[in-house]
């Protein structure tokens, strides 16, 4: 039976970069992919393009990436840089988890230089817990539990332990094609996203004795549990 992998980021592009090779690998093997962005990340707009126009472009890019992986993209309406860390967002994410019933959830590590990343971490961890409980009429859908793993992001490096090395070799070529749909990955004047993340899969792959791999951290209690995906 096919599994479902859900990756929840603070901005469009966060999860496509940090978990995208693993998502592509899973897609190649017939599993379902869902990317979720709690903001569009529209305030990284190119010179000469308005924030609102870039948001439209970013949503299109998210959908194009997901479509290439035969998956779905969900983008929330919160403004870039203003993601609230509150119960309303937690409930929205929890309902999404119940809707798609993922086997695995990926999101940001807790220590980040970016406010939206940090807030996303806390929102997703709590939402995964709420989604598993009997909340009565407070939450739509039936209870569903999925473990949460934390992606390796250059902006979330503090105290990040690359505990899990996950093979993504079969998805590398598809992932490289899909991430090129994102303007900022290929054209950012501030950081060489494409070079950094594609080369990182070689480094992590070498450590795991794979051709390509991506790494994930876990909470301490998860280190005593069996991990299989």
N, C-alpha and C. Protein backbone atom coordinates (compact mmCIF):
# COMPACT_ATOMS: atom_id res chain seq x y z
N UNK A 1 0.84 -1.19 0.00
CA UNK A 1 0.00 0.00 0.00
C UNK A 1 0.88 1.25 0.00
N UNK A 2 0.54 2.22 -0.84
CA UNK A 2 1.34 3.45 -0.94
C UNK A 2 1.27 4.24 0.36
N UNK A 3 2.38 4.89 0.69
CA UNK A 3 2.45 5.75 1.86
C UNK A 3 2.29 7.20 1.43
N UNK A 4 1.99 8.06 2.39
CA UNK A 4 1.87 9.50 2.14
C UNK A 4 2.91 10.24 2.95
N UNK A 5 3.65 11.11 2.29
CA UNK A 5 4.68 11.92 2.92
C UNK A 5 4.27 13.39 2.83
N UNK A 6 4.18 14.05 3.98
CA UNK A 6 3.79 15.46 4.04
C UNK A 6 4.96 16.28 4.56
N UNK A 7 5.29 17.35 3.84
CA UNK A 7 6.38 18.24 4.24
C UNK A 7 5.82 19.64 4.44
N UNK A 8 5.97 20.16 5.65
CA UNK A 8 5.34 21.44 6.04
C UNK A 8 6.43 22.46 6.34
N UNK A 9 6.48 23.52 5.53
CA UNK A 9 7.50 24.55 5.69
C UNK A 9 6.91 25.92 5.99
N UNK A 10 7.77 26.81 6.43
CA UNK A 10 7.35 28.18 6.69
C UNK A 10 7.07 28.96 5.42
N UNK A 11 7.77 28.59 4.33
CA UNK A 11 7.66 29.30 3.06
C UNK A 11 7.69 28.29 1.91
N UNK A 12 7.13 28.68 0.79
CA UNK A 12 7.28 27.88 -0.42
C UNK A 12 8.77 27.79 -0.74
N UNK A 13 9.24 26.58 -0.96
CA UNK A 13 10.65 26.36 -1.27
C UNK A 13 11.44 25.75 -0.14
N UNK A 14 11.03 25.99 1.11
CA UNK A 14 11.78 25.45 2.25
C UNK A 14 11.83 23.92 2.21
N UNK A 15 10.68 23.31 2.12
CA UNK A 15 10.64 21.84 2.13
C UNK A 15 11.04 21.25 0.80
N UNK A 16 10.78 21.99 -0.29
CA UNK A 16 11.20 21.50 -1.60
C UNK A 16 12.71 21.31 -1.66
N UNK A 17 13.43 22.20 -0.98
CA UNK A 17 14.89 22.09 -0.93
C UNK A 17 15.37 21.06 0.08
N UNK A 18 14.85 21.14 1.29
CA UNK A 18 15.42 20.35 2.40
C UNK A 18 14.94 18.92 2.44
N UNK A 19 13.76 18.66 1.91
CA UNK A 19 13.21 17.29 1.89
C UNK A 19 12.88 16.83 0.48
N UNK A 20 13.05 17.70 -0.50
CA UNK A 20 12.58 17.43 -1.85
C UNK A 20 13.17 16.22 -2.52
N UNK A 21 14.45 15.94 -2.25
CA UNK A 21 15.06 14.77 -2.86
C UNK A 21 14.44 13.49 -2.30
N UNK A 22 14.18 13.48 -0.99
CA UNK A 22 13.50 12.33 -0.38
C UNK A 22 12.07 12.21 -0.91
N UNK A 23 11.38 13.35 -1.04
CA UNK A 23 10.02 13.33 -1.58
C UNK A 23 10.01 12.79 -3.01
N UNK A 24 10.97 13.23 -3.82
CA UNK A 24 11.05 12.75 -5.19
C UNK A 24 11.35 11.26 -5.23
N UNK A 25 12.25 10.82 -4.36
CA UNK A 25 12.57 9.38 -4.25
C UNK A 25 11.31 8.58 -3.94
N UNK A 26 10.53 9.08 -2.99
CA UNK A 26 9.29 8.38 -2.62
C UNK A 26 8.27 8.42 -3.76
N UNK A 27 8.22 9.54 -4.47
CA UNK A 27 7.29 9.65 -5.59
C UNK A 27 7.64 8.65 -6.69
N UNK A 28 8.93 8.50 -6.96
CA UNK A 28 9.38 7.54 -7.97
C UNK A 28 8.94 6.12 -7.60
N UNK A 29 8.87 5.86 -6.30
CA UNK A 29 8.48 4.53 -5.82
C UNK A 29 6.97 4.42 -5.56
N UNK A 30 6.20 5.38 -6.09
CA UNK A 30 4.75 5.25 -6.07
C UNK A 30 4.05 5.80 -4.84
N UNK A 31 4.76 6.51 -3.98
CA UNK A 31 4.13 7.07 -2.79
C UNK A 31 3.61 8.48 -3.04
N UNK A 32 2.66 8.91 -2.21
CA UNK A 32 1.99 10.20 -2.38
C UNK A 32 2.75 11.31 -1.66
N UNK A 33 2.83 12.47 -2.30
CA UNK A 33 3.56 13.60 -1.76
C UNK A 33 2.62 14.78 -1.57
N UNK A 34 2.71 15.43 -0.40
CA UNK A 34 1.96 16.66 -0.13
C UNK A 34 2.93 17.69 0.44
N UNK A 35 3.08 18.82 -0.24
CA UNK A 35 3.88 19.92 0.32
C UNK A 35 2.94 20.97 0.87
N UNK A 36 3.31 21.54 2.01
CA UNK A 36 2.50 22.57 2.66
C UNK A 36 3.41 23.75 3.00
N UNK A 37 2.99 24.95 2.64
CA UNK A 37 3.72 26.16 3.02
C UNK A 37 2.78 27.04 3.83
N UNK A 38 3.19 27.42 5.02
CA UNK A 38 2.32 28.23 5.87
C UNK A 38 2.32 29.69 5.47
N UNK A 39 3.35 30.14 4.75
CA UNK A 39 3.33 31.41 4.03
C UNK A 39 3.93 31.14 2.65
N UNK A 40 3.74 32.06 1.73
CA UNK A 40 4.28 31.86 0.39
C UNK A 40 5.76 32.23 0.30
N UNK A 41 6.27 33.00 1.26
CA UNK A 41 7.66 33.46 1.15
C UNK A 41 7.80 34.58 0.12
N UNK A 42 6.75 35.39 0.00
CA UNK A 42 6.66 36.36 -1.09
C UNK A 42 7.51 37.61 -0.91
N UNK A 43 8.08 37.78 0.30
CA UNK A 43 8.87 38.99 0.52
C UNK A 43 10.32 38.85 0.08
N UNK A 44 10.61 37.74 -0.58
CA UNK A 44 11.90 37.61 -1.26
C UNK A 44 11.74 37.97 -2.72
N UNK A 45 10.82 38.89 -3.01
CA UNK A 45 10.46 39.22 -4.39
C UNK A 45 11.63 39.77 -5.20
N UNK A 46 11.72 39.36 -6.47
CA UNK A 46 12.77 39.87 -7.35
C UNK A 46 12.65 41.38 -7.55
N UNK A 47 13.74 41.99 -7.89
CA UNK A 47 13.74 43.43 -8.20
C UNK A 47 12.80 43.69 -9.36
N UNK A 48 11.93 44.66 -9.17
CA UNK A 48 10.99 45.01 -10.23
C UNK A 48 9.68 44.27 -10.17
N UNK A 49 9.52 43.36 -9.22
CA UNK A 49 8.26 42.62 -9.07
C UNK A 49 7.67 42.92 -7.70
N UNK A 50 6.37 43.18 -7.66
CA UNK A 50 5.72 43.48 -6.39
C UNK A 50 5.61 42.23 -5.53
N UNK A 51 5.42 42.45 -4.24
CA UNK A 51 5.24 41.33 -3.31
C UNK A 51 4.02 40.52 -3.68
N UNK A 52 2.93 41.18 -4.02
CA UNK A 52 1.70 40.46 -4.36
C UNK A 52 1.86 39.65 -5.63
N UNK A 53 2.54 40.20 -6.62
CA UNK A 53 2.76 39.46 -7.86
C UNK A 53 3.69 38.26 -7.63
N UNK A 54 4.68 38.45 -6.75
CA UNK A 54 5.59 37.34 -6.48
C UNK A 54 4.88 36.23 -5.73
N UNK A 55 3.91 36.60 -4.90
CA UNK A 55 3.14 35.55 -4.22
C UNK A 55 2.42 34.67 -5.23
N UNK A 56 1.81 35.30 -6.22
CA UNK A 56 1.13 34.52 -7.27
C UNK A 56 2.12 33.60 -7.96
N UNK A 57 3.30 34.12 -8.27
CA UNK A 57 4.33 33.30 -8.92
C UNK A 57 4.77 32.16 -8.03
N UNK A 58 4.96 32.45 -6.74
CA UNK A 58 5.43 31.41 -5.80
C UNK A 58 4.41 30.27 -5.68
N UNK A 59 3.15 30.61 -5.61
CA UNK A 59 2.11 29.57 -5.52
C UNK A 59 2.14 28.71 -6.77
N UNK A 60 2.30 29.35 -7.92
CA UNK A 60 2.41 28.60 -9.18
C UNK A 60 3.62 27.66 -9.14
N UNK A 61 4.74 28.14 -8.63
CA UNK A 61 5.95 27.32 -8.53
C UNK A 61 5.73 26.13 -7.60
N UNK A 62 5.04 26.36 -6.49
CA UNK A 62 4.76 25.27 -5.55
C UNK A 62 3.93 24.19 -6.22
N UNK A 63 2.94 24.61 -6.98
CA UNK A 63 2.08 23.64 -7.67
C UNK A 63 2.84 22.90 -8.77
N UNK A 64 3.71 23.60 -9.47
CA UNK A 64 4.50 22.96 -10.53
C UNK A 64 5.43 21.90 -9.95
N UNK A 65 6.08 22.24 -8.83
CA UNK A 65 6.96 21.28 -8.17
C UNK A 65 6.18 20.03 -7.77
N UNK A 66 5.06 20.24 -7.08
CA UNK A 66 4.26 19.10 -6.60
C UNK A 66 3.74 18.26 -7.76
N UNK A 67 3.32 18.93 -8.83
CA UNK A 67 2.79 18.20 -9.99
C UNK A 67 3.85 17.29 -10.60
N UNK A 68 5.10 17.76 -10.63
CA UNK A 68 6.17 16.94 -11.19
C UNK A 68 6.39 15.67 -10.36
N UNK A 69 6.02 15.72 -9.08
CA UNK A 69 6.14 14.57 -8.20
C UNK A 69 4.81 13.82 -8.07
N UNK A 70 3.85 14.17 -8.94
CA UNK A 70 2.50 13.58 -8.88
C UNK A 70 1.86 13.79 -7.52
N UNK A 71 2.15 14.94 -6.93
CA UNK A 71 1.63 15.24 -5.60
C UNK A 71 0.73 16.46 -5.59
N UNK A 72 0.54 17.00 -4.40
CA UNK A 72 -0.30 18.19 -4.20
C UNK A 72 0.46 19.22 -3.39
N UNK A 73 0.15 20.49 -3.66
CA UNK A 73 0.72 21.60 -2.89
C UNK A 73 -0.39 22.37 -2.20
N UNK A 74 -0.18 22.70 -0.94
CA UNK A 74 -1.12 23.51 -0.17
C UNK A 74 -0.36 24.73 0.33
N UNK A 75 -0.94 25.93 0.12
CA UNK A 75 -0.30 27.16 0.58
C UNK A 75 -1.30 27.93 1.44
N UNK A 76 -0.93 28.23 2.67
CA UNK A 76 -1.78 29.01 3.55
C UNK A 76 -1.69 30.49 3.17
N UNK A 77 -2.59 31.30 3.75
CA UNK A 77 -2.69 32.71 3.37
C UNK A 77 -1.91 33.67 4.26
N UNK A 78 -1.18 33.17 5.23
CA UNK A 78 -0.47 34.07 6.14
C UNK A 78 0.66 34.79 5.42
N UNK A 79 0.89 36.09 5.72
CA UNK A 79 1.94 36.85 5.06
C UNK A 79 3.33 36.38 5.48
N UNK A 80 4.24 36.42 4.55
CA UNK A 80 5.64 36.09 4.80
C UNK A 80 6.19 36.98 5.92
N UNK A 81 6.80 36.34 6.92
CA UNK A 81 7.37 37.08 8.05
C UNK A 81 6.38 37.36 9.16
N UNK A 82 5.12 37.02 8.96
CA UNK A 82 4.08 37.33 9.95
C UNK A 82 3.28 36.09 10.35
N UNK A 83 3.89 34.92 10.26
CA UNK A 83 3.17 33.69 10.63
C UNK A 83 2.87 33.71 12.12
N UNK A 84 1.61 33.70 12.52
CA UNK A 84 1.29 33.72 13.95
C UNK A 84 1.51 32.35 14.58
N UNK A 85 2.01 32.36 15.78
CA UNK A 85 2.24 31.12 16.52
C UNK A 85 1.08 30.96 17.50
N UNK A 86 -0.06 30.50 16.98
CA UNK A 86 -1.26 30.45 17.81
C UNK A 86 -2.08 29.18 17.56
N UNK A 87 -3.13 29.01 18.34
CA UNK A 87 -3.94 27.79 18.25
C UNK A 87 -4.74 27.72 16.96
N UNK A 88 -5.08 28.85 16.37
CA UNK A 88 -5.83 28.84 15.12
C UNK A 88 -5.03 28.14 14.01
N UNK A 89 -3.75 28.49 13.90
CA UNK A 89 -2.92 27.86 12.88
C UNK A 89 -2.72 26.39 13.21
N UNK A 90 -2.53 26.07 14.48
CA UNK A 90 -2.36 24.67 14.88
C UNK A 90 -3.56 23.83 14.46
N UNK A 91 -4.75 24.35 14.67
CA UNK A 91 -5.95 23.62 14.29
C UNK A 91 -6.04 23.45 12.77
N UNK A 92 -5.66 24.47 12.04
CA UNK A 92 -5.68 24.37 10.57
C UNK A 92 -4.73 23.27 10.09
N UNK A 93 -3.53 23.23 10.68
CA UNK A 93 -2.56 22.21 10.29
C UNK A 93 -3.03 20.83 10.74
N UNK A 94 -3.60 20.75 11.94
CA UNK A 94 -4.09 19.47 12.44
C UNK A 94 -5.19 18.91 11.54
N UNK A 95 -6.08 19.78 11.05
CA UNK A 95 -7.13 19.33 10.15
C UNK A 95 -6.55 18.85 8.82
N UNK A 96 -5.48 19.50 8.37
CA UNK A 96 -4.81 19.08 7.13
C UNK A 96 -4.18 17.70 7.32
N UNK A 97 -3.59 17.48 8.48
CA UNK A 97 -3.01 16.17 8.79
C UNK A 97 -4.10 15.10 8.79
N UNK A 98 -5.23 15.41 9.38
CA UNK A 98 -6.33 14.44 9.37
C UNK A 98 -6.87 14.20 7.97
N UNK A 99 -6.89 15.23 7.14
CA UNK A 99 -7.40 15.10 5.78
C UNK A 99 -6.53 14.16 4.94
N UNK A 100 -5.21 14.36 4.98
CA UNK A 100 -4.30 13.60 4.11
C UNK A 100 -3.77 12.33 4.77
N UNK A 101 -3.84 12.27 6.09
CA UNK A 101 -3.39 11.09 6.84
C UNK A 101 -1.98 10.63 6.43
N UNK A 102 -0.99 11.51 6.58
CA UNK A 102 0.37 11.13 6.19
C UNK A 102 0.95 10.05 7.10
N UNK A 103 1.84 9.26 6.53
CA UNK A 103 2.59 8.29 7.32
C UNK A 103 3.78 8.95 7.99
N UNK A 104 4.29 10.01 7.36
CA UNK A 104 5.46 10.74 7.85
C UNK A 104 5.24 12.22 7.61
N UNK A 105 5.66 13.04 8.57
CA UNK A 105 5.61 14.50 8.43
C UNK A 105 7.04 15.04 8.58
N UNK A 106 7.41 15.93 7.67
CA UNK A 106 8.69 16.65 7.77
C UNK A 106 8.41 18.12 8.03
N UNK A 107 9.27 18.76 8.83
CA UNK A 107 9.15 20.20 9.04
C UNK A 107 10.51 20.76 9.47
N UNK A 108 10.51 22.02 9.95
CA UNK A 108 11.74 22.68 10.35
C UNK A 108 12.24 22.19 11.70
N UNK A 109 13.56 22.26 11.89
CA UNK A 109 14.17 22.10 13.20
C UNK A 109 13.83 23.31 14.05
N UNK A 110 13.89 23.16 15.38
CA UNK A 110 13.39 24.19 16.29
C UNK A 110 14.28 25.42 16.39
N UNK A 111 15.58 25.29 16.19
CA UNK A 111 16.49 26.42 16.36
C UNK A 111 16.80 27.03 15.00
N UNK A 112 16.27 28.22 14.78
CA UNK A 112 16.40 28.84 13.47
C UNK A 112 16.64 30.34 13.59
N UNK A 113 17.32 30.89 12.59
CA UNK A 113 17.50 32.33 12.50
C UNK A 113 16.24 33.01 11.97
N UNK A 114 15.28 32.21 11.50
CA UNK A 114 14.09 32.77 10.87
C UNK A 114 12.86 32.54 11.74
N UNK A 115 12.16 33.60 12.07
CA UNK A 115 10.97 33.54 12.92
C UNK A 115 9.91 32.58 12.37
N UNK A 116 9.64 32.65 11.07
CA UNK A 116 8.62 31.77 10.49
C UNK A 116 9.01 30.30 10.60
N UNK A 117 10.29 30.00 10.48
CA UNK A 117 10.75 28.61 10.61
C UNK A 117 10.52 28.11 12.04
N UNK A 118 10.93 28.93 13.01
CA UNK A 118 10.76 28.54 14.41
C UNK A 118 9.28 28.34 14.75
N UNK A 119 8.44 29.28 14.30
CA UNK A 119 7.01 29.16 14.57
C UNK A 119 6.42 27.92 13.89
N UNK A 120 6.86 27.65 12.67
CA UNK A 120 6.37 26.46 11.97
C UNK A 120 6.70 25.20 12.73
N UNK A 121 7.92 25.11 13.25
CA UNK A 121 8.31 23.95 14.05
C UNK A 121 7.33 23.72 15.20
N UNK A 122 7.08 24.75 15.98
CA UNK A 122 6.21 24.61 17.14
C UNK A 122 4.77 24.30 16.72
N UNK A 123 4.31 24.94 15.67
CA UNK A 123 2.95 24.71 15.17
C UNK A 123 2.77 23.26 14.73
N UNK A 124 3.73 22.75 13.95
CA UNK A 124 3.59 21.41 13.40
C UNK A 124 3.68 20.34 14.48
N UNK A 125 4.62 20.49 15.40
CA UNK A 125 4.75 19.51 16.48
C UNK A 125 3.45 19.43 17.29
N UNK A 126 2.90 20.59 17.62
CA UNK A 126 1.65 20.60 18.39
C UNK A 126 0.48 20.10 17.55
N UNK A 127 0.44 20.48 16.27
CA UNK A 127 -0.66 20.06 15.40
C UNK A 127 -0.68 18.55 15.21
N UNK A 128 0.50 17.95 15.08
CA UNK A 128 0.58 16.49 14.94
C UNK A 128 0.01 15.80 16.18
N UNK A 129 0.26 16.39 17.35
CA UNK A 129 -0.28 15.85 18.59
C UNK A 129 -1.80 16.02 18.62
N UNK A 130 -2.29 17.23 18.29
CA UNK A 130 -3.73 17.48 18.32
C UNK A 130 -4.47 16.60 17.32
N UNK A 131 -3.87 16.38 16.16
CA UNK A 131 -4.52 15.56 15.12
C UNK A 131 -4.76 14.14 15.58
N UNK A 132 -3.97 13.70 16.56
CA UNK A 132 -4.07 12.31 17.02
C UNK A 132 -5.09 12.12 18.14
N UNK A 133 -5.61 13.23 18.68
CA UNK A 133 -6.51 13.16 19.82
C UNK A 133 -7.97 13.20 19.41
N UNK A 134 -8.84 12.70 20.29
CA UNK A 134 -10.28 12.86 20.11
C UNK A 134 -10.63 14.27 20.60
N UNK A 135 -10.82 15.18 19.64
CA UNK A 135 -11.08 16.59 19.97
C UNK A 135 -12.56 16.93 19.86
N UNK A 136 -13.39 15.93 19.67
CA UNK A 136 -14.81 16.20 19.54
C UNK A 136 -15.08 17.05 18.31
N UNK A 137 -15.96 18.06 18.47
CA UNK A 137 -16.30 18.91 17.34
C UNK A 137 -15.34 20.10 17.18
N UNK A 138 -14.27 20.11 17.95
CA UNK A 138 -13.28 21.19 17.83
C UNK A 138 -12.40 21.03 16.60
N UNK A 139 -12.36 19.80 16.07
CA UNK A 139 -11.44 19.51 14.97
C UNK A 139 -12.13 18.56 13.99
N UNK A 140 -12.15 18.96 12.71
CA UNK A 140 -12.78 18.11 11.69
C UNK A 140 -11.91 16.89 11.38
N UNK A 141 -12.57 15.81 10.98
CA UNK A 141 -11.86 14.60 10.59
C UNK A 141 -11.65 13.65 11.74
N UNK A 142 -11.20 12.45 11.41
CA UNK A 142 -10.95 11.42 12.42
C UNK A 142 -9.50 11.50 12.89
N UNK A 143 -9.24 11.15 14.14
CA UNK A 143 -7.87 11.23 14.67
C UNK A 143 -6.87 10.45 13.83
N UNK A 144 -5.70 11.04 13.68
CA UNK A 144 -4.64 10.40 12.90
C UNK A 144 -3.29 10.81 13.50
N UNK A 145 -2.40 9.82 13.64
CA UNK A 145 -1.05 10.09 14.16
C UNK A 145 -0.01 9.87 13.08
N UNK A 146 0.97 10.76 13.02
CA UNK A 146 2.15 10.57 12.16
C UNK A 146 3.36 11.15 12.88
N UNK A 147 4.50 10.46 12.82
CA UNK A 147 5.72 10.99 13.44
C UNK A 147 6.25 12.20 12.65
N UNK A 148 6.94 13.08 13.36
CA UNK A 148 7.49 14.29 12.76
C UNK A 148 9.01 14.23 12.78
N UNK A 149 9.63 14.53 11.63
CA UNK A 149 11.08 14.59 11.51
C UNK A 149 11.48 15.97 11.01
N UNK A 150 12.70 16.38 11.35
CA UNK A 150 13.11 17.76 11.15
C UNK A 150 14.23 17.87 10.12
N UNK A 151 14.00 18.68 9.11
CA UNK A 151 14.87 18.74 7.94
C UNK A 151 16.11 19.60 8.19
N UNK A 152 17.14 19.31 7.40
CA UNK A 152 18.40 20.05 7.47
C UNK A 152 18.31 21.29 6.58
N UNK A 153 18.35 22.46 7.20
CA UNK A 153 18.22 23.74 6.50
C UNK A 153 19.35 24.65 6.95
N UNK A 154 19.99 25.33 6.01
CA UNK A 154 21.14 26.18 6.38
C UNK A 154 20.73 27.30 7.33
N UNK A 155 19.43 27.66 7.34
CA UNK A 155 18.96 28.70 8.25
C UNK A 155 18.55 28.13 9.62
N UNK A 156 18.52 26.81 9.74
CA UNK A 156 18.11 26.16 10.98
C UNK A 156 19.25 25.30 11.55
N UNK A 157 20.48 25.78 11.44
CA UNK A 157 21.64 24.93 11.72
C UNK A 157 21.96 24.76 13.21
N UNK A 158 21.57 25.73 14.04
CA UNK A 158 21.98 25.70 15.44
C UNK A 158 21.45 24.44 16.14
N UNK A 159 22.35 23.68 16.73
CA UNK A 159 22.04 22.45 17.47
C UNK A 159 21.40 21.36 16.61
N UNK A 160 21.50 21.50 15.30
CA UNK A 160 20.94 20.45 14.42
C UNK A 160 21.87 19.25 14.41
N UNK A 161 21.30 18.08 14.70
CA UNK A 161 22.05 16.83 14.69
C UNK A 161 21.57 15.99 13.51
N UNK A 162 22.41 15.76 12.51
CA UNK A 162 21.98 14.95 11.35
C UNK A 162 21.85 13.48 11.73
N UNK A 163 20.85 13.19 12.53
CA UNK A 163 20.68 11.87 13.14
C UNK A 163 20.29 10.80 12.13
N UNK A 164 19.38 11.16 11.21
CA UNK A 164 18.91 10.20 10.21
C UNK A 164 19.49 10.55 8.84
N UNK A 165 20.08 9.59 8.18
CA UNK A 165 20.55 9.77 6.81
C UNK A 165 19.63 8.93 5.92
N UNK A 166 18.87 9.60 5.05
CA UNK A 166 17.82 8.93 4.28
C UNK A 166 18.19 8.91 2.81
N UNK A 167 18.23 7.74 2.25
CA UNK A 167 18.56 7.55 0.83
C UNK A 167 17.53 8.24 -0.06
N UNK A 168 18.02 9.02 -1.01
CA UNK A 168 17.10 9.64 -1.98
C UNK A 168 17.66 9.54 -3.39
N UNK A 169 18.53 8.57 -3.60
CA UNK A 169 19.26 8.45 -4.87
C UNK A 169 18.34 8.37 -6.08
N UNK A 170 17.28 7.56 -5.98
CA UNK A 170 16.40 7.36 -7.13
C UNK A 170 15.60 8.60 -7.49
N UNK A 171 15.52 9.56 -6.57
CA UNK A 171 14.75 10.77 -6.85
C UNK A 171 15.58 11.97 -7.22
N UNK A 172 16.91 11.82 -7.23
CA UNK A 172 17.79 12.99 -7.40
C UNK A 172 17.53 13.72 -8.71
N UNK A 173 17.49 13.01 -9.83
CA UNK A 173 17.33 13.67 -11.13
C UNK A 173 15.98 14.39 -11.22
N UNK A 174 14.92 13.75 -10.75
CA UNK A 174 13.60 14.37 -10.76
C UNK A 174 13.59 15.61 -9.88
N UNK A 175 14.18 15.50 -8.71
CA UNK A 175 14.24 16.63 -7.78
C UNK A 175 14.99 17.80 -8.39
N UNK A 176 16.11 17.55 -9.02
CA UNK A 176 16.89 18.63 -9.64
C UNK A 176 16.07 19.36 -10.69
N UNK A 177 15.28 18.62 -11.44
CA UNK A 177 14.42 19.26 -12.43
C UNK A 177 13.31 20.07 -11.76
N UNK A 178 12.73 19.51 -10.71
CA UNK A 178 11.58 20.14 -10.07
C UNK A 178 11.95 21.43 -9.34
N UNK A 179 13.10 21.45 -8.65
CA UNK A 179 13.45 22.66 -7.90
C UNK A 179 13.83 23.81 -8.82
N UNK A 180 14.14 23.52 -10.06
CA UNK A 180 14.44 24.59 -11.01
C UNK A 180 13.20 25.40 -11.38
N UNK A 181 12.02 24.94 -10.97
CA UNK A 181 10.79 25.71 -11.16
C UNK A 181 10.73 26.93 -10.25
N UNK A 182 11.55 26.94 -9.20
CA UNK A 182 11.52 28.02 -8.22
C UNK A 182 12.54 29.11 -8.59
N UNK A 183 12.05 30.31 -8.77
CA UNK A 183 12.92 31.42 -9.18
C UNK A 183 14.06 31.63 -8.20
N UNK A 184 13.74 31.69 -6.90
CA UNK A 184 14.77 32.05 -5.94
C UNK A 184 15.86 31.00 -5.84
N UNK A 185 15.51 29.74 -6.06
CA UNK A 185 16.51 28.67 -5.97
C UNK A 185 17.58 28.84 -7.04
N UNK A 186 17.17 29.30 -8.19
CA UNK A 186 18.10 29.43 -9.32
C UNK A 186 18.70 30.83 -9.46
N UNK A 187 18.04 31.84 -8.86
CA UNK A 187 18.43 33.23 -9.15
C UNK A 187 18.70 34.11 -7.94
N UNK A 188 18.59 33.57 -6.74
CA UNK A 188 18.79 34.41 -5.56
C UNK A 188 20.17 35.08 -5.58
N UNK A 189 20.22 36.40 -5.37
CA UNK A 189 21.52 37.08 -5.32
C UNK A 189 22.23 36.92 -3.98
N UNK A 190 21.53 36.37 -2.98
CA UNK A 190 22.09 36.31 -1.63
C UNK A 190 22.61 34.94 -1.21
N UNK A 191 22.17 33.87 -1.89
CA UNK A 191 22.59 32.54 -1.48
C UNK A 191 22.45 31.59 -2.66
N UNK A 192 23.43 30.71 -2.83
CA UNK A 192 23.42 29.76 -3.95
C UNK A 192 22.66 28.49 -3.53
N UNK A 193 21.34 28.60 -3.51
CA UNK A 193 20.50 27.52 -3.01
C UNK A 193 20.69 26.22 -3.79
N UNK A 194 20.63 26.29 -5.09
CA UNK A 194 20.73 25.08 -5.91
C UNK A 194 22.05 24.37 -5.66
N UNK A 195 23.13 25.11 -5.69
CA UNK A 195 24.45 24.50 -5.50
C UNK A 195 24.58 23.90 -4.10
N UNK A 196 24.14 24.63 -3.09
CA UNK A 196 24.30 24.18 -1.71
C UNK A 196 23.54 22.87 -1.47
N UNK A 197 22.26 22.85 -1.83
CA UNK A 197 21.44 21.69 -1.48
C UNK A 197 21.70 20.48 -2.38
N UNK A 198 22.00 20.68 -3.65
CA UNK A 198 22.32 19.53 -4.49
C UNK A 198 23.65 18.91 -4.06
N UNK A 199 24.63 19.74 -3.74
CA UNK A 199 25.92 19.20 -3.30
C UNK A 199 25.81 18.54 -1.93
N UNK A 200 24.92 19.06 -1.08
CA UNK A 200 24.75 18.48 0.25
C UNK A 200 24.27 17.04 0.17
N UNK A 201 23.49 16.71 -0.87
CA UNK A 201 23.04 15.32 -1.00
C UNK A 201 24.21 14.37 -1.29
N UNK A 202 25.25 14.88 -1.94
CA UNK A 202 26.44 14.05 -2.15
C UNK A 202 27.18 13.84 -0.83
N UNK A 203 27.30 14.90 -0.03
CA UNK A 203 28.01 14.82 1.25
C UNK A 203 27.28 13.86 2.20
N UNK A 204 25.98 14.04 2.35
CA UNK A 204 25.21 13.18 3.24
C UNK A 204 25.13 11.76 2.69
N UNK A 205 25.09 11.64 1.37
CA UNK A 205 25.09 10.32 0.76
C UNK A 205 26.38 9.56 1.03
N UNK A 206 27.50 10.27 1.00
CA UNK A 206 28.79 9.63 1.28
C UNK A 206 28.82 9.08 2.69
N UNK A 207 28.26 9.83 3.65
CA UNK A 207 28.24 9.36 5.03
C UNK A 207 27.36 8.12 5.20
N UNK A 208 26.27 8.05 4.42
CA UNK A 208 25.35 6.93 4.55
C UNK A 208 25.61 5.80 3.58
N UNK A 209 26.67 5.98 2.76
CA UNK A 209 27.00 4.99 1.73
C UNK A 209 25.89 4.87 0.68
N UNK A 210 25.28 6.02 0.37
CA UNK A 210 24.32 6.13 -0.73
C UNK A 210 24.90 7.10 -1.75
N UNK A 211 24.32 7.11 -2.94
CA UNK A 211 24.76 8.09 -3.92
C UNK A 211 24.29 9.49 -3.52
N UNK A 212 23.02 9.58 -3.07
CA UNK A 212 22.45 10.85 -2.61
C UNK A 212 21.62 10.59 -1.36
N UNK A 213 21.67 11.53 -0.43
CA UNK A 213 20.87 11.40 0.80
C UNK A 213 20.54 12.77 1.36
N UNK A 214 19.49 12.83 2.15
CA UNK A 214 19.19 14.02 2.95
C UNK A 214 19.09 13.61 4.41
N UNK A 215 19.36 14.56 5.30
CA UNK A 215 19.44 14.26 6.74
C UNK A 215 18.30 14.91 7.51
N UNK A 216 17.95 14.25 8.62
CA UNK A 216 16.88 14.73 9.48
C UNK A 216 17.27 14.55 10.94
N UNK A 217 16.78 15.47 11.76
CA UNK A 217 16.97 15.37 13.21
C UNK A 217 15.67 14.87 13.83
N UNK A 218 15.76 14.41 15.07
CA UNK A 218 14.59 13.93 15.81
C UNK A 218 14.66 14.46 17.23
N UNK A 219 13.55 14.41 17.92
CA UNK A 219 13.54 14.69 19.35
C UNK A 219 14.21 13.54 20.09
N UNK A 220 14.68 13.80 21.30
CA UNK A 220 15.40 12.79 22.05
C UNK A 220 14.63 11.50 22.23
N UNK A 221 13.34 11.60 22.53
CA UNK A 221 12.54 10.39 22.78
C UNK A 221 12.43 9.53 21.54
N UNK A 222 12.55 10.15 20.34
CA UNK A 222 12.41 9.38 19.10
C UNK A 222 13.61 8.48 18.85
N UNK A 223 14.72 8.74 19.50
CA UNK A 223 15.92 7.94 19.29
C UNK A 223 15.79 6.54 19.88
N UNK A 224 14.75 6.32 20.65
CA UNK A 224 14.50 5.00 21.22
C UNK A 224 13.41 4.25 20.46
N UNK A 225 12.95 4.85 19.34
CA UNK A 225 11.88 4.23 18.58
C UNK A 225 12.41 3.71 17.25
N UNK A 226 11.72 2.72 16.72
CA UNK A 226 12.07 2.20 15.39
C UNK A 226 11.63 3.19 14.32
N UNK A 227 12.54 3.51 13.40
CA UNK A 227 12.24 4.44 12.33
C UNK A 227 12.31 3.70 11.02
N UNK A 228 11.22 3.78 10.24
CA UNK A 228 11.16 3.03 9.00
C UNK A 228 10.33 3.80 7.97
N UNK A 229 11.03 4.42 7.00
CA UNK A 229 10.30 5.04 5.88
C UNK A 229 11.20 5.13 4.67
